C-alpha atoms as a PDB file:
ATOM      1  CA  MET A   1      24.058  44.175  -3.180  1.00  0.00           C
ATOM      2  CA  SER A   2      23.253  44.658  -6.927  1.00  0.00           C
ATOM      3  CA  VAL A   3      20.135  43.826  -8.826  1.00  0.00           C
ATOM      4  CA  MET A   4      20.266  40.826 -11.527  1.00  0.00           C
ATOM      5  CA  CYS A   5      19.660  42.017 -14.889  1.00  0.00           C
ATOM      6  CA  LEU A   6      16.793  40.878 -16.961  1.00  0.00           C
ATOM      7  CA  GLY A   7      18.944  38.457 -18.883  1.00  0.00           C
ATOM      8  CA  CYS A   8      20.056  36.682 -15.816  1.00  0.00           C
ATOM      9  CA  GLN A   9      16.548  36.861 -14.172  1.00  0.00           C
ATOM     10  CA  ARG A  10      15.363  34.841 -17.184  1.00  0.00           C
ATOM     11  CA  ILE A  11      17.744  31.932 -16.668  1.00  0.00           C
ATOM     12  CA  ASN A  12      15.886  28.994 -15.146  1.00  0.00           C
ATOM     13  CA  PRO A  13      18.482  27.285 -12.879  1.00  0.00           C
ATOM     14  CA  GLY A  14      18.809  23.491 -13.319  1.00  0.00           C
ATOM     15  CA  LEU A  15      17.134  23.656 -16.746  1.00  0.00           C
ATOM     16  CA  ALA A  16      19.168  21.739 -19.401  1.00  0.00           C
ATOM     17  CA  GLY A  17      19.612  23.339 -22.933  1.00  0.00           C
ATOM     18  CA  VAL A  18      19.571  26.813 -21.752  1.00  0.00           C
ATOM     19  CA  ALA A  19      21.848  29.206 -23.840  1.00  0.00           C
ATOM     20  CA  PRO A  20      23.888  31.843 -22.088  1.00  0.00           C
ATOM     21  CA  HIS A  21      22.332  35.259 -22.768  1.00  0.00           C
ATOM     22  CA  PRO A  22      24.456  37.834 -24.994  1.00  0.00           C
ATOM     23  CA  HIS A  23      26.029  39.595 -21.938  1.00  0.00           C
ATOM     24  CA  LEU A  24      27.009  36.384 -20.052  1.00  0.00           C
ATOM     25  CA  GLY A  25      30.949  36.046 -20.685  1.00  0.00           C
ATOM     26  CA  HIS A  26      32.625  32.658 -20.508  1.00  0.00           C
ATOM     27  CA  GLN A  27      35.414  32.772 -17.938  1.00  0.00           C
ATOM     28  CA  GLY A  28      36.876  29.247 -18.522  1.00  0.00           C
ATOM     29  CA  PHE A  29      36.083  25.945 -17.075  1.00  0.00           C
ATOM     30  CA  THR A  30      37.139  23.604 -14.265  1.00  0.00           C
ATOM     31  CA  ASN A  31      36.908  19.764 -13.553  1.00  0.00           C
ATOM     32  CA  PRO A  32      35.294  19.300 -10.011  1.00  0.00           C
ATOM     33  CA  THR A  33      37.418  17.206  -7.661  1.00  0.00           C
ATOM     34  CA  GLN A  34      34.330  15.902  -5.577  1.00  0.00           C
ATOM     35  CA  LYS A  35      33.837  12.309  -5.541  1.00  0.00           C
ATOM     36  CA  GLY A  36      31.597  10.963  -8.289  1.00  0.00           C
ATOM     37  CA  ARG A  37      32.100  14.349 -10.267  1.00  0.00           C
ATOM     38  CA  GLU A  38      35.654  13.953 -11.188  1.00  0.00           C
ATOM     39  CA  GLU A  39      34.933  13.538 -14.813  1.00  0.00           C
ATOM     40  CA  SER A  40      32.375  16.428 -15.107  1.00  0.00           C
ATOM     41  CA  ARG A  41      33.056  20.005 -16.551  1.00  0.00           C
ATOM     42  CA  GLU A  42      31.947  23.183 -14.866  1.00  0.00           C
ATOM     43  CA  ASP A  43      31.932  26.054 -17.174  1.00  0.00           C
ATOM     44  CA  HIS A  44      32.188  29.521 -15.516  1.00  0.00           C
ATOM     45  CA  PHE A  45      30.298  32.519 -16.597  1.00  0.00           C
ATOM     46  CA  ARG A  46      30.039  36.170 -15.596  1.00  0.00           C
ATOM     47  CA  CYS A  47      27.411  38.623 -16.628  1.00  0.00           C
ATOM     48  CA  LEU A  48      29.019  41.886 -18.129  1.00  0.00           C
ATOM     49  CA  SER A  49      25.739  43.788 -17.178  1.00  0.00           C
ATOM     50  CA  CYS A  50      25.064  42.966 -13.566  1.00  0.00           C
ATOM     51  CA  GLY A  51      28.238  40.879 -12.521  1.00  0.00           C
ATOM     52  CA  ALA A  52      26.296  37.742 -11.553  1.00  0.00           C
ATOM     53  CA  LYS A  53      28.279  34.587 -11.571  1.00  0.00           C
ATOM     54  CA  TRP A  54      27.063  31.503 -13.011  1.00  0.00           C
ATOM     55  CA  LEU A  55      28.203  27.769 -13.372  1.00  0.00           C
ATOM     56  CA  ARG A  56      26.863  25.337 -15.903  1.00  0.00           C
ATOM     57  CA  GLU A  57      27.841  21.904 -15.328  1.00  0.00           C
ATOM     58  CA  THR A  58      28.052  19.002 -17.871  1.00  0.00           C
ATOM     59  CA  ASP A  59      28.496  15.443 -16.541  1.00  0.00           C
ATOM     60  CA  LYS A  60      30.745  12.764 -17.495  1.00  0.00           C
ATOM     61  CA  TRP A  61      28.288  11.487 -20.316  1.00  0.00           C
ATOM     62  CA  GLY A  62      28.019  15.043 -21.806  1.00  0.00           C
ATOM     63  CA  VAL A  63      24.552  15.674 -20.345  1.00  0.00           C
ATOM     64  CA  ASP A  64      23.859  19.546 -19.607  1.00  0.00           C
ATOM     65  CA  LEU A  65      22.797  19.838 -16.026  1.00  0.00           C
ATOM     66  CA  GLY A  66      21.954  23.474 -16.626  1.00  0.00           C
ATOM     67  CA  PHE A  67      23.016  26.876 -14.821  1.00  0.00           C
ATOM     68  CA  LYS A  68      23.391  27.488 -11.271  1.00  0.00           C
ATOM     69  CA  LEU A  69      24.427  30.683  -9.460  1.00  0.00           C
ATOM     70  CA  ALA A  70      28.110  30.430  -8.415  1.00  0.00           C
ATOM     71  CA  PRO A  71      28.692  30.320  -4.555  1.00  0.00           C
END
């Protein structure tokens, strides 16, 4: 198991308005298929420094729901 870099350690999961740190590369997005989330957008990120995978969800009204670690 690798250690998360300082940039990733500073991300507060679930906090809206957090910008990705400079080494967090955008990997594309998906639209969840779970009931009630069909119109949401999940952006996928991967840290180029430590390899941590993050998701940032935006709901159907455009509200940023913050980052969370990808499963």
